[in-house]
Amino acid sequence: MRARLSLVLFAVPLFAATTPIVGTFTLADGTPATGTITISWPRFTTAGSAVVPANTLAVSVASGSLSVFLEPVDTSTANGVLGQWYYTVRYSWRGNKSYAWRVPTSASPVNVTSIETDLPSNSSGVLPSV
């Protein structure tokens, strides 16, 4: 039993390299936003060589506050390109407009305002280098 427990404890850091993303959202009238953020991503390979299938995640925002953990883009590969892919994000309170999030590697919380940009005009799924 102890050998198994030790093995599990060693495995945890391999998958704990996500970046905490935080944000506070308000509507045009200043009231806190409430709704859903839909986050989609392509199939990618993490820095630790784990393959993550394409998927979509719905995250609830209550009283304007967001907290979610995502795999960093800068150390991951999608479509054979290192660090150039992005998460596609839609806010339920902003209508149909989509945004791109390029998530950096960080142990400290990263604010949405520092990672959000408009989607690229092409459909390549790749943002220009920054």
N, C-alpha and C. Protein backbone atom coordinates (compact mmCIF):
# COMPACT_ATOMS: atom_id res chain seq x y z
N MET A 1 0.82 -1.20 0.00
CA MET A 1 0.00 0.00 0.00
C MET A 1 0.86 1.27 0.00
N ARG A 2 1.92 1.31 0.79
CA ARG A 2 2.79 2.49 0.82
C ARG A 2 3.45 2.75 -0.52
N ALA A 3 3.89 1.73 -1.20
CA ALA A 3 4.54 1.90 -2.51
C ALA A 3 3.58 2.56 -3.48
N ARG A 4 2.34 2.17 -3.48
CA ARG A 4 1.35 2.78 -4.37
C ARG A 4 1.12 4.24 -4.02
N LEU A 5 1.01 4.52 -2.75
CA LEU A 5 0.78 5.89 -2.32
C LEU A 5 1.94 6.79 -2.74
N SER A 6 3.16 6.34 -2.59
CA SER A 6 4.33 7.11 -3.00
C SER A 6 4.31 7.35 -4.50
N LEU A 7 3.93 6.36 -5.25
CA LEU A 7 3.87 6.49 -6.70
C LEU A 7 2.85 7.55 -7.11
N VAL A 8 1.71 7.56 -6.45
CA VAL A 8 0.69 8.56 -6.75
C VAL A 8 1.19 9.96 -6.41
N LEU A 9 1.86 10.13 -5.30
CA LEU A 9 2.36 11.45 -4.91
C LEU A 9 3.39 11.97 -5.90
N PHE A 10 4.22 11.09 -6.46
CA PHE A 10 5.20 11.52 -7.46
C PHE A 10 4.52 11.88 -8.77
N ALA A 11 3.41 11.28 -9.09
CA ALA A 11 2.72 11.53 -10.37
C ALA A 11 1.98 12.86 -10.37
N VAL A 12 1.57 13.34 -9.22
CA VAL A 12 0.77 14.56 -9.16
C VAL A 12 1.47 15.76 -9.78
N PRO A 13 2.74 16.06 -9.48
CA PRO A 13 3.36 17.25 -10.07
C PRO A 13 3.46 17.21 -11.59
N LEU A 14 3.49 16.05 -12.18
CA LEU A 14 3.57 15.96 -13.63
C LEU A 14 2.35 16.57 -14.31
N PHE A 15 1.22 16.55 -13.64
CA PHE A 15 0.00 17.05 -14.24
C PHE A 15 -0.47 18.34 -13.56
N ALA A 16 0.34 18.92 -12.71
CA ALA A 16 -0.06 20.11 -11.98
C ALA A 16 0.50 21.39 -12.59
N ALA A 17 0.89 21.35 -13.84
CA ALA A 17 1.53 22.50 -14.48
C ALA A 17 0.51 23.44 -15.13
N THR A 18 -0.69 23.48 -14.63
CA THR A 18 -1.68 24.38 -15.20
C THR A 18 -1.48 25.79 -14.66
N THR A 19 -2.02 26.76 -15.40
CA THR A 19 -1.93 28.16 -15.02
C THR A 19 -3.28 28.61 -14.47
N PRO A 20 -3.29 29.23 -13.29
CA PRO A 20 -4.56 29.76 -12.77
C PRO A 20 -4.93 31.05 -13.51
N ILE A 21 -6.15 31.09 -14.04
CA ILE A 21 -6.67 32.26 -14.75
C ILE A 21 -7.77 32.86 -13.89
N VAL A 22 -7.70 34.17 -13.67
CA VAL A 22 -8.71 34.86 -12.86
C VAL A 22 -9.21 36.08 -13.63
N GLY A 23 -10.37 36.55 -13.24
CA GLY A 23 -10.91 37.75 -13.87
C GLY A 23 -12.13 38.24 -13.15
N THR A 24 -12.39 39.52 -13.31
CA THR A 24 -13.61 40.14 -12.80
C THR A 24 -14.30 40.80 -13.97
N PHE A 25 -15.55 40.47 -14.17
CA PHE A 25 -16.30 40.96 -15.33
C PHE A 25 -17.49 41.79 -14.88
N THR A 26 -17.67 42.94 -15.54
CA THR A 26 -18.83 43.79 -15.27
C THR A 26 -19.54 44.09 -16.58
N LEU A 27 -20.82 44.35 -16.46
CA LEU A 27 -21.62 44.73 -17.61
C LEU A 27 -21.44 46.23 -17.87
N ALA A 28 -21.98 46.73 -18.97
CA ALA A 28 -21.84 48.14 -19.34
C ALA A 28 -22.35 49.08 -18.24
N ASP A 29 -23.36 48.64 -17.49
CA ASP A 29 -23.90 49.49 -16.43
C ASP A 29 -23.14 49.37 -15.11
N GLY A 30 -22.06 48.58 -15.10
CA GLY A 30 -21.23 48.44 -13.91
C GLY A 30 -21.60 47.29 -12.98
N THR A 31 -22.70 46.62 -13.25
CA THR A 31 -23.08 45.49 -12.40
C THR A 31 -22.22 44.27 -12.74
N PRO A 32 -21.97 43.41 -11.76
CA PRO A 32 -21.16 42.22 -12.02
C PRO A 32 -21.85 41.29 -13.03
N ALA A 33 -21.06 40.76 -13.95
CA ALA A 33 -21.60 39.83 -14.95
C ALA A 33 -21.86 38.47 -14.31
N THR A 34 -22.91 37.83 -14.77
CA THR A 34 -23.22 36.46 -14.37
C THR A 34 -23.56 35.70 -15.63
N GLY A 35 -22.99 34.53 -15.77
CA GLY A 35 -23.25 33.73 -16.97
C GLY A 35 -22.23 32.63 -17.12
N THR A 36 -21.95 32.29 -18.38
CA THR A 36 -21.05 31.19 -18.68
C THR A 36 -19.97 31.64 -19.66
N ILE A 37 -18.77 31.17 -19.41
CA ILE A 37 -17.68 31.34 -20.36
C ILE A 37 -17.42 29.97 -20.97
N THR A 38 -17.47 29.91 -22.29
CA THR A 38 -17.21 28.66 -23.01
C THR A 38 -15.79 28.72 -23.56
N ILE A 39 -14.97 27.76 -23.17
CA ILE A 39 -13.56 27.72 -23.55
C ILE A 39 -13.33 26.47 -24.40
N SER A 40 -12.84 26.67 -25.63
CA SER A 40 -12.57 25.55 -26.54
C SER A 40 -11.09 25.54 -26.90
N TRP A 41 -10.58 24.35 -27.21
CA TRP A 41 -9.18 24.25 -27.61
C TRP A 41 -9.00 23.12 -28.61
N PRO A 42 -7.93 23.20 -29.41
CA PRO A 42 -7.62 22.13 -30.35
C PRO A 42 -6.88 21.01 -29.63
N ARG A 43 -6.70 19.89 -30.28
CA ARG A 43 -5.86 18.82 -29.75
C ARG A 43 -4.45 19.38 -29.62
N PHE A 44 -3.81 19.13 -28.46
CA PHE A 44 -2.44 19.62 -28.28
C PHE A 44 -1.65 18.66 -27.40
N THR A 45 -0.35 18.85 -27.41
CA THR A 45 0.56 18.04 -26.60
C THR A 45 1.23 18.96 -25.59
N THR A 46 1.16 18.60 -24.32
CA THR A 46 1.74 19.42 -23.26
C THR A 46 3.25 19.29 -23.23
N ALA A 47 3.90 20.15 -22.46
CA ALA A 47 5.36 20.09 -22.30
C ALA A 47 5.78 18.75 -21.70
N GLY A 48 4.90 18.13 -20.94
CA GLY A 48 5.17 16.83 -20.34
C GLY A 48 4.81 15.67 -21.24
N SER A 49 4.52 15.95 -22.51
CA SER A 49 4.21 14.95 -23.54
C SER A 49 2.84 14.29 -23.40
N ALA A 50 1.98 14.85 -22.59
CA ALA A 50 0.60 14.34 -22.50
C ALA A 50 -0.20 14.90 -23.66
N VAL A 51 -0.97 14.03 -24.32
CA VAL A 51 -1.82 14.47 -25.43
C VAL A 51 -3.19 14.82 -24.86
N VAL A 52 -3.63 16.05 -25.13
CA VAL A 52 -4.93 16.53 -24.65
C VAL A 52 -5.85 16.64 -25.86
N PRO A 53 -6.96 15.88 -25.88
CA PRO A 53 -7.86 15.95 -27.03
C PRO A 53 -8.58 17.29 -27.12
N ALA A 54 -8.99 17.65 -28.32
CA ALA A 54 -9.80 18.86 -28.51
C ALA A 54 -11.04 18.73 -27.64
N ASN A 55 -11.47 19.85 -27.06
CA ASN A 55 -12.61 19.79 -26.17
C ASN A 55 -13.15 21.19 -25.92
N THR A 56 -14.24 21.26 -25.19
CA THR A 56 -14.87 22.52 -24.79
C THR A 56 -15.24 22.41 -23.32
N LEU A 57 -15.01 23.50 -22.59
CA LEU A 57 -15.30 23.57 -21.17
C LEU A 57 -16.20 24.76 -20.92
N ALA A 58 -17.28 24.56 -20.18
CA ALA A 58 -18.16 25.66 -19.78
C ALA A 58 -17.87 26.00 -18.32
N VAL A 59 -17.54 27.28 -18.07
CA VAL A 59 -17.19 27.73 -16.72
C VAL A 59 -18.20 28.78 -16.29
N SER A 60 -18.78 28.59 -15.11
CA SER A 60 -19.76 29.55 -14.60
C SER A 60 -19.07 30.77 -14.00
N VAL A 61 -19.66 31.93 -14.25
CA VAL A 61 -19.21 33.18 -13.66
C VAL A 61 -20.36 33.68 -12.80
N ALA A 62 -20.10 33.85 -11.50
CA ALA A 62 -21.11 34.34 -10.58
C ALA A 62 -20.59 35.62 -9.95
N SER A 63 -21.42 36.63 -9.88
CA SER A 63 -21.04 37.93 -9.30
C SER A 63 -19.77 38.48 -9.93
N GLY A 64 -19.56 38.20 -11.22
CA GLY A 64 -18.45 38.77 -11.97
C GLY A 64 -17.12 38.06 -11.82
N SER A 65 -17.02 37.03 -10.99
CA SER A 65 -15.72 36.41 -10.71
C SER A 65 -15.49 35.12 -11.48
N LEU A 66 -14.27 35.02 -12.03
CA LEU A 66 -13.84 33.82 -12.76
C LEU A 66 -12.57 33.28 -12.13
N SER A 67 -12.50 31.97 -12.03
CA SER A 67 -11.29 31.28 -11.63
C SER A 67 -11.29 29.93 -12.33
N VAL A 68 -10.25 29.69 -13.15
CA VAL A 68 -10.15 28.43 -13.89
C VAL A 68 -8.67 28.12 -14.09
N PHE A 69 -8.33 26.85 -14.19
CA PHE A 69 -6.95 26.43 -14.43
C PHE A 69 -6.86 25.86 -15.84
N LEU A 70 -5.90 26.36 -16.62
CA LEU A 70 -5.72 25.89 -18.00
C LEU A 70 -4.26 25.55 -18.26
N GLU A 71 -4.06 24.66 -19.20
CA GLU A 71 -2.71 24.27 -19.62
C GLU A 71 -2.08 25.46 -20.35
N PRO A 72 -0.83 25.78 -20.07
CA PRO A 72 -0.19 26.91 -20.78
C PRO A 72 0.02 26.61 -22.26
N VAL A 73 -0.10 27.64 -23.06
CA VAL A 73 0.08 27.56 -24.51
C VAL A 73 1.55 27.62 -24.88
N ASP A 74 2.32 28.44 -24.15
CA ASP A 74 3.71 28.70 -24.55
C ASP A 74 4.62 27.48 -24.50
N THR A 75 4.22 26.44 -23.78
CA THR A 75 5.03 25.23 -23.72
C THR A 75 4.34 24.02 -24.35
N SER A 76 3.22 24.25 -25.03
CA SER A 76 2.44 23.18 -25.64
C SER A 76 2.48 23.28 -27.16
N THR A 77 2.27 22.16 -27.81
CA THR A 77 2.31 22.10 -29.27
C THR A 77 0.94 21.70 -29.81
N ALA A 78 0.44 22.44 -30.79
CA ALA A 78 -0.80 22.10 -31.49
C ALA A 78 -0.54 22.25 -32.98
N ASN A 79 -1.00 21.29 -33.75
CA ASN A 79 -0.79 21.31 -35.20
C ASN A 79 0.68 21.46 -35.56
N GLY A 80 1.56 20.87 -34.74
CA GLY A 80 2.99 20.91 -35.01
C GLY A 80 3.67 22.23 -34.71
N VAL A 81 2.96 23.17 -34.08
CA VAL A 81 3.52 24.49 -33.81
C VAL A 81 3.60 24.70 -32.29
N LEU A 82 4.79 24.99 -31.80
CA LEU A 82 4.99 25.22 -30.37
C LEU A 82 4.59 26.64 -29.99
N GLY A 83 3.69 26.74 -29.00
CA GLY A 83 3.38 28.03 -28.40
C GLY A 83 2.58 29.02 -29.22
N GLN A 84 2.03 28.62 -30.34
CA GLN A 84 1.34 29.59 -31.19
C GLN A 84 -0.17 29.35 -31.28
N TRP A 85 -0.70 28.38 -30.59
CA TRP A 85 -2.14 28.15 -30.63
C TRP A 85 -2.80 28.94 -29.49
N TYR A 86 -4.12 28.89 -29.43
CA TYR A 86 -4.84 29.66 -28.42
C TYR A 86 -6.14 28.96 -28.05
N TYR A 87 -6.69 29.34 -26.92
CA TYR A 87 -8.02 28.92 -26.51
C TYR A 87 -9.01 29.87 -27.16
N THR A 88 -10.13 29.35 -27.67
CA THR A 88 -11.21 30.19 -28.19
C THR A 88 -12.25 30.33 -27.08
N VAL A 89 -12.62 31.57 -26.79
CA VAL A 89 -13.46 31.85 -25.63
C VAL A 89 -14.67 32.70 -26.02
N ARG A 90 -15.84 32.34 -25.48
CA ARG A 90 -17.06 33.13 -25.66
C ARG A 90 -17.68 33.41 -24.29
N TYR A 91 -18.10 34.65 -24.12
CA TYR A 91 -18.77 35.05 -22.88
C TYR A 91 -20.26 35.13 -23.18
N SER A 92 -21.09 34.50 -22.37
CA SER A 92 -22.54 34.48 -22.64
C SER A 92 -23.14 35.88 -22.64
N TRP A 93 -22.59 36.80 -21.89
CA TRP A 93 -23.14 38.16 -21.80
C TRP A 93 -22.61 39.10 -22.89
N ARG A 94 -21.70 38.63 -23.75
CA ARG A 94 -21.16 39.47 -24.82
C ARG A 94 -21.66 39.04 -26.20
N GLY A 95 -22.73 38.29 -26.23
CA GLY A 95 -23.28 37.87 -27.52
C GLY A 95 -22.44 36.81 -28.20
N ASN A 96 -22.34 36.89 -29.50
CA ASN A 96 -21.68 35.84 -30.27
C ASN A 96 -20.20 36.05 -30.52
N LYS A 97 -19.63 37.14 -30.05
CA LYS A 97 -18.22 37.41 -30.34
C LYS A 97 -17.31 36.43 -29.59
N SER A 98 -16.30 35.93 -30.32
CA SER A 98 -15.30 35.04 -29.72
C SER A 98 -13.99 35.78 -29.54
N TYR A 99 -13.23 35.35 -28.56
CA TYR A 99 -11.92 35.93 -28.26
C TYR A 99 -10.89 34.82 -28.22
N ALA A 100 -9.62 35.19 -28.25
CA ALA A 100 -8.53 34.23 -28.12
C ALA A 100 -7.83 34.48 -26.79
N TRP A 101 -7.52 33.40 -26.08
CA TRP A 101 -6.71 33.48 -24.88
C TRP A 101 -5.41 32.74 -25.15
N ARG A 102 -4.29 33.41 -24.96
CA ARG A 102 -2.98 32.75 -25.04
C ARG A 102 -2.46 32.67 -23.61
N VAL A 103 -2.55 31.48 -23.02
CA VAL A 103 -2.24 31.27 -21.61
C VAL A 103 -0.74 31.02 -21.43
N PRO A 104 -0.07 31.84 -20.60
CA PRO A 104 1.36 31.64 -20.35
C PRO A 104 1.59 30.61 -19.23
N THR A 105 2.81 30.20 -19.07
CA THR A 105 3.19 29.36 -17.94
C THR A 105 3.33 30.27 -16.73
N SER A 106 2.59 29.96 -15.66
CA SER A 106 2.66 30.77 -14.45
C SER A 106 2.09 30.01 -13.28
N ALA A 107 2.78 30.04 -12.16
CA ALA A 107 2.25 29.46 -10.93
C ALA A 107 1.33 30.45 -10.22
N SER A 108 1.53 31.74 -10.51
CA SER A 108 0.69 32.79 -9.93
C SER A 108 -0.51 33.05 -10.82
N PRO A 109 -1.62 33.50 -10.26
CA PRO A 109 -2.81 33.79 -11.07
C PRO A 109 -2.52 34.85 -12.15
N VAL A 110 -3.07 34.59 -13.34
CA VAL A 110 -2.93 35.49 -14.48
C VAL A 110 -4.31 36.08 -14.77
N ASN A 111 -4.37 37.40 -14.91
CA ASN A 111 -5.65 38.06 -15.18
C ASN A 111 -6.02 37.93 -16.65
N VAL A 112 -7.30 37.70 -16.90
CA VAL A 112 -7.81 37.56 -18.26
C VAL A 112 -7.40 38.75 -19.14
N THR A 113 -7.38 39.94 -18.58
CA THR A 113 -7.05 41.13 -19.39
C THR A 113 -5.66 41.06 -20.01
N SER A 114 -4.76 40.28 -19.43
CA SER A 114 -3.41 40.19 -19.97
C SER A 114 -3.25 39.08 -21.02
N ILE A 115 -4.25 38.23 -21.19
CA ILE A 115 -4.12 37.12 -22.15
C ILE A 115 -5.16 37.16 -23.27
N GLU A 116 -6.15 38.04 -23.14
CA GLU A 116 -7.24 38.08 -24.13
C GLU A 116 -6.90 38.98 -25.31
N THR A 117 -7.25 38.51 -26.50
CA THR A 117 -7.10 39.29 -27.72
C THR A 117 -8.21 38.90 -28.68
N ASP A 118 -8.39 39.67 -29.74
CA ASP A 118 -9.35 39.27 -30.76
C ASP A 118 -8.82 38.05 -31.50
N LEU A 119 -9.72 37.28 -32.04
CA LEU A 119 -9.31 36.12 -32.83
C LEU A 119 -8.58 36.58 -34.08
N PRO A 120 -7.63 35.77 -34.59
CA PRO A 120 -6.96 36.14 -35.83
C PRO A 120 -7.94 36.11 -36.99
N SER A 121 -7.69 36.93 -38.01
CA SER A 121 -8.60 36.99 -39.15
C SER A 121 -8.52 35.74 -40.02
N ASN A 122 -7.41 35.01 -39.94
CA ASN A 122 -7.32 33.76 -40.70
C ASN A 122 -7.92 32.64 -39.88
N SER A 123 -8.09 31.50 -40.46
CA SER A 123 -8.69 30.37 -39.72
C SER A 123 -7.63 29.32 -39.37
N SER A 124 -6.37 29.74 -39.30
CA SER A 124 -5.30 28.78 -39.07
C SER A 124 -5.23 28.26 -37.63
N GLY A 125 -5.84 28.98 -36.70
CA GLY A 125 -5.72 28.60 -35.31
C GLY A 125 -4.40 29.01 -34.71
N VAL A 126 -3.64 29.83 -35.43
CA VAL A 126 -2.32 30.25 -34.96
C VAL A 126 -2.29 31.77 -34.84
N LEU A 127 -1.84 32.24 -33.69
CA LEU A 127 -1.66 33.66 -33.50
C LEU A 127 -0.21 34.04 -33.84
N PRO A 128 0.00 35.26 -34.30
CA PRO A 128 1.38 35.68 -34.57
C PRO A 128 2.22 35.65 -33.30
N SER A 129 3.52 35.54 -33.44
CA SER A 129 4.44 35.53 -32.29
C SER A 129 4.33 36.86 -31.55
N VAL A 130 4.50 36.76 -30.23
CA VAL A 130 4.50 37.97 -29.41
C VAL A 130 5.84 38.13 -28.73
